Amino acid sequence: MRPHQISLETAQKLAKALGIPLEQVMHMPQHILIQKLMELEKEKKDER
C-alpha cells in the first residue's frame, strides 16, 4: 500500500490529534483514516 498523498504538516497534525505515530498515519488504510477524522470532528462538535 502506498503512503497517503498528504503534506508532512498535515500528517503531523493528524498523528498528534489521533495520538498515533506518524508512520501509522501514513500507512493506515484510507477508509479507516477518514473514519477516525469523522470521529474527531464529532468530538469537537460535542464539546461546543
PDB file of N, CA and C in Angstrom:
ATOM      1  N   MET A   1       0.850  -1.176   0.000  1.00  0.00           N
ATOM      2  CA  MET A   1       0.000   0.000   0.000  1.00  0.00           C
ATOM      3  C   MET A   1       0.897   1.242   0.000  1.00  0.00           C
ATOM      4  N   ARG A   2       0.547   2.208  -0.832  1.00  0.00           N
ATOM      5  CA  ARG A   2       1.309   3.452  -0.906  1.00  0.00           C
ATOM      6  C   ARG A   2       0.946   4.372   0.247  1.00  0.00           C
ATOM      7  N   PRO A   3       1.917   5.186   0.681  1.00  0.00           N
ATOM      8  CA  PRO A   3       1.589   6.198   1.692  1.00  0.00           C
ATOM      9  C   PRO A   3       0.596   7.204   1.116  1.00  0.00           C
ATOM     10  N   HIS A   4      -0.160   7.846   1.979  1.00  0.00           N
ATOM     11  CA  HIS A   4      -1.136   8.852   1.548  1.00  0.00           C
ATOM     12  C   HIS A   4      -0.428  10.038   0.926  1.00  0.00           C
ATOM     13  N   GLN A   5      -1.101  10.699   0.007  1.00  0.00           N
ATOM     14  CA  GLN A   5      -0.556  11.875  -0.659  1.00  0.00           C
ATOM     15  C   GLN A   5      -0.971  13.130   0.108  1.00  0.00           C
ATOM     16  N   ILE A   6      -0.436  13.274   1.316  1.00  0.00           N
ATOM     17  CA  ILE A   6      -0.719  14.453   2.134  1.00  0.00           C
ATOM     18  C   ILE A   6       0.608  15.072   2.536  1.00  0.00           C
ATOM     19  N   SER A   7       0.574  16.329   2.897  1.00  0.00           N
ATOM     20  CA  SER A   7       1.804  17.014   3.275  1.00  0.00           C
ATOM     21  C   SER A   7       2.292  16.531   4.633  1.00  0.00           C
ATOM     22  N   LEU A   8       3.546  16.765   4.895  1.00  0.00           N
ATOM     23  CA  LEU A   8       4.138  16.375   6.171  1.00  0.00           C
ATOM     24  C   LEU A   8       3.448  17.085   7.328  1.00  0.00           C
ATOM     25  N   GLU A   9       3.140  18.371   7.140  1.00  0.00           N
ATOM     26  CA  GLU A   9       2.481  19.134   8.204  1.00  0.00           C
ATOM     27  C   GLU A   9       1.117  18.547   8.524  1.00  0.00           C
ATOM     28  N   THR A  10       0.367  18.181   7.495  1.00  0.00           N
ATOM     29  CA  THR A  10      -0.951  17.589   7.701  1.00  0.00           C
ATOM     30  C   THR A  10      -0.830  16.253   8.412  1.00  0.00           C
ATOM     31  N   ALA A  11       0.109  15.440   7.998  1.00  0.00           N
ATOM     32  CA  ALA A  11       0.318  14.132   8.623  1.00  0.00           C
ATOM     33  C   ALA A  11       0.704  14.289  10.096  1.00  0.00           C
ATOM     34  N   GLN A  12       1.552  15.280  10.400  1.00  0.00           N
ATOM     35  CA  GLN A  12       1.952  15.506  11.785  1.00  0.00           C
ATOM     36  C   GLN A  12       0.760  15.943  12.629  1.00  0.00           C
ATOM     37  N   LYS A  13      -0.082  16.823  12.097  1.00  0.00           N
ATOM     38  CA  LYS A  13      -1.273  17.268  12.831  1.00  0.00           C
ATOM     39  C   LYS A  13      -2.218  16.101  13.083  1.00  0.00           C
ATOM     40  N   LEU A  14      -2.400  15.249  12.075  1.00  0.00           N
ATOM     41  CA  LEU A  14      -3.267  14.086  12.235  1.00  0.00           C
ATOM     42  C   LEU A  14      -2.723  13.129  13.285  1.00  0.00           C
ATOM     43  N   ALA A  15      -1.418  12.889  13.244  1.00  0.00           N
ATOM     44  CA  ALA A  15      -0.800  11.978  14.202  1.00  0.00           C
ATOM     45  C   ALA A  15      -0.995  12.502  15.623  1.00  0.00           C
ATOM     46  N   LYS A  16      -0.814  13.802  15.808  1.00  0.00           N
ATOM     47  CA  LYS A  16      -0.988  14.392  17.134  1.00  0.00           C
ATOM     48  C   LYS A  16      -2.445  14.314  17.580  1.00  0.00           C
ATOM     49  N   ALA A  17      -3.374  14.634  16.681  1.00  0.00           N
ATOM     50  CA  ALA A  17      -4.790  14.621  17.022  1.00  0.00           C
ATOM     51  C   ALA A  17      -5.290  13.211  17.329  1.00  0.00           C
ATOM     52  N   LEU A  18      -4.785  12.233  16.577  1.00  0.00           N
ATOM     53  CA  LEU A  18      -5.231  10.858  16.770  1.00  0.00           C
ATOM     54  C   LEU A  18      -4.443  10.133  17.858  1.00  0.00           C
ATOM     55  N   GLY A  19      -3.298  10.703  18.240  1.00  0.00           N
ATOM     56  CA  GLY A  19      -2.476  10.086  19.281  1.00  0.00           C
ATOM     57  C   GLY A  19      -1.785   8.817  18.815  1.00  0.00           C
ATOM     58  N   ILE A  20      -1.392   8.811  17.543  1.00  0.00           N
ATOM     59  CA  ILE A  20      -0.699   7.642  16.988  1.00  0.00           C
ATOM     60  C   ILE A  20       0.568   8.097  16.282  1.00  0.00           C
ATOM     61  N   PRO A  21       1.520   7.179  16.078  1.00  0.00           N
ATOM     62  CA  PRO A  21       2.771   7.556  15.399  1.00  0.00           C
ATOM     63  C   PRO A  21       2.531   8.009  13.960  1.00  0.00           C
ATOM     64  N   LEU A  22       3.401   8.888  13.498  1.00  0.00           N
ATOM     65  CA  LEU A  22       3.311   9.441  12.148  1.00  0.00           C
ATOM     66  C   LEU A  22       3.314   8.343  11.084  1.00  0.00           C
ATOM     67  N   GLU A  23       4.158   7.341  11.257  1.00  0.00           N
ATOM     68  CA  GLU A  23       4.244   6.255  10.281  1.00  0.00           C
ATOM     69  C   GLU A  23       2.917   5.517  10.156  1.00  0.00           C
ATOM     70  N   GLN A  24       2.233   5.365  11.284  1.00  0.00           N
ATOM     71  CA  GLN A  24       0.949   4.669  11.274  1.00  0.00           C
ATOM     72  C   GLN A  24      -0.094   5.476  10.510  1.00  0.00           C
ATOM     73  N   VAL A  25      -0.057   6.797  10.636  1.00  0.00           N
ATOM     74  CA  VAL A  25      -0.989   7.656   9.892  1.00  0.00           C
ATOM     75  C   VAL A  25      -0.756   7.497   8.397  1.00  0.00           C
ATOM     76  N   MET A  26       0.509   7.493   7.990  1.00  0.00           N
ATOM     77  CA  MET A  26       0.830   7.453   6.564  1.00  0.00           C
ATOM     78  C   MET A  26       0.461   6.134   5.907  1.00  0.00           C
ATOM     79  N   HIS A  27       0.434   5.051   6.665  1.00  0.00           N
ATOM     80  CA  HIS A  27       0.167   3.733   6.087  1.00  0.00           C
ATOM     81  C   HIS A  27      -1.185   3.156   6.493  1.00  0.00           C
ATOM     82  N   MET A  28      -1.984   3.948   7.190  1.00  0.00           N
ATOM     83  CA  MET A  28      -3.314   3.499   7.598  1.00  0.00           C
ATOM     84  C   MET A  28      -4.216   3.434   6.361  1.00  0.00           C
ATOM     85  N   PRO A  29      -5.038   2.397   6.243  1.00  0.00           N
ATOM     86  CA  PRO A  29      -5.982   2.361   5.111  1.00  0.00           C
ATOM     87  C   PRO A  29      -6.841   3.624   5.090  1.00  0.00           C
ATOM     88  N   GLN A  30      -7.098   4.130   3.896  1.00  0.00           N
ATOM     89  CA  GLN A  30      -7.774   5.415   3.748  1.00  0.00           C
ATOM     90  C   GLN A  30      -9.149   5.429   4.408  1.00  0.00           C
ATOM     91  N   HIS A  31      -9.903   4.349   4.292  1.00  0.00           N
ATOM     92  CA  HIS A  31     -11.248   4.360   4.866  1.00  0.00           C
ATOM     93  C   HIS A  31     -11.208   4.440   6.387  1.00  0.00           C
ATOM     94  N   ILE A  32     -10.185   3.868   7.005  1.00  0.00           N
ATOM     95  CA  ILE A  32     -10.058   3.952   8.461  1.00  0.00           C
ATOM     96  C   ILE A  32      -9.633   5.355   8.865  1.00  0.00           C
ATOM     97  N   LEU A  33      -8.730   5.948   8.107  1.00  0.00           N
ATOM     98  CA  LEU A  33      -8.292   7.314   8.394  1.00  0.00           C
ATOM     99  C   LEU A  33      -9.472   8.281   8.305  1.00  0.00           C
ATOM    100  N   ILE A  34     -10.295   8.137   7.294  1.00  0.00           N
ATOM    101  CA  ILE A  34     -11.466   9.004   7.146  1.00  0.00           C
ATOM    102  C   ILE A  34     -12.421   8.806   8.311  1.00  0.00           C
ATOM    103  N   GLN A  35     -12.613   7.563   8.719  1.00  0.00           N
ATOM    104  CA  GLN A  35     -13.498   7.267   9.857  1.00  0.00           C
ATOM    105  C   GLN A  35     -12.981   7.943  11.126  1.00  0.00           C
ATOM    106  N   LYS A  36     -11.687   7.871  11.370  1.00  0.00           N
ATOM    107  CA  LYS A  36     -11.111   8.493  12.561  1.00  0.00           C
ATOM    108  C   LYS A  36     -11.249  10.008  12.509  1.00  0.00           C
ATOM    109  N   LEU A  37     -11.082  10.591  11.327  1.00  0.00           N
ATOM    110  CA  LEU A  37     -11.246  12.034  11.181  1.00  0.00           C
ATOM    111  C   LEU A  37     -12.686  12.442  11.464  1.00  0.00           C
ATOM    112  N   MET A  38     -13.632  11.637  11.020  1.00  0.00           N
ATOM    113  CA  MET A  38     -15.034  11.929  11.293  1.00  0.00           C
ATOM    114  C   MET A  38     -15.316  11.845  12.795  1.00  0.00           C
ATOM    115  N   GLU A  39     -14.706  10.890  13.483  1.00  0.00           N
ATOM    116  CA  GLU A  39     -14.882  10.768  14.934  1.00  0.00           C
ATOM    117  C   GLU A  39     -14.315  11.997  15.643  1.00  0.00           C
ATOM    118  N   LEU A  40     -13.145  12.474  15.190  1.00  0.00           N
ATOM    119  CA  LEU A  40     -12.547  13.673  15.784  1.00  0.00           C
ATOM    120  C   LEU A  40     -13.465  14.881  15.595  1.00  0.00           C
ATOM    121  N   GLU A  41     -14.010  15.022  14.410  1.00  0.00           N
ATOM    122  CA  GLU A  41     -14.902  16.141  14.112  1.00  0.00           C
ATOM    123  C   GLU A  41     -16.150  16.081  14.989  1.00  0.00           C
ATOM    124  N   LYS A  42     -16.680  14.887  15.181  1.00  0.00           N
ATOM    125  CA  LYS A  42     -17.871  14.716  16.022  1.00  0.00           C
ATOM    126  C   LYS A  42     -17.557  15.104  17.464  1.00  0.00           C
ATOM    127  N   GLU A  43     -16.380  14.714  17.954  1.00  0.00           N
ATOM    128  CA  GLU A  43     -15.982  15.063  19.322  1.00  0.00           C
ATOM    129  C   GLU A  43     -15.878  16.575  19.472  1.00  0.00           C
ATOM    130  N   LYS A  44     -15.340  17.256  18.469  1.00  0.00           N
ATOM    131  CA  LYS A  44     -15.231  18.716  18.517  1.00  0.00           C
ATOM    132  C   LYS A  44     -16.600  19.360  18.602  1.00  0.00           C
ATOM    133  N   LYS A  45     -17.548  18.857  17.819  1.00  0.00           N
ATOM    134  CA  LYS A  45     -18.894  19.417  17.824  1.00  0.00           C
ATOM    135  C   LYS A  45     -19.574  19.169  19.155  1.00  0.00           C
ATOM    136  N   ASP A  46     -19.324  18.014  19.762  1.00  0.00           N
ATOM    137  CA  ASP A  46     -19.937  17.677  21.062  1.00  0.00           C
ATOM    138  C   ASP A  46     -19.396  18.565  22.178  1.00  0.00           C
ATOM    139  N   GLU A  47     -18.157  19.041  22.048  1.00  0.00           N
ATOM    140  CA  GLU A  47     -17.549  19.891  23.078  1.00  0.00           C
ATOM    141  C   GLU A  47     -18.154  21.288  23.084  1.00  0.00           C
ATOM    142  N   ARG A  48     -18.706  21.721  21.975  1.00  0.00           N
ATOM    143  CA  ARG A  48     -19.240  23.091  21.851  1.00  0.00           C
ATOM    144  C   ARG A  48     -20.504  23.274  22.581  1.00  0.00           C
TER     145      ARG A  48
END
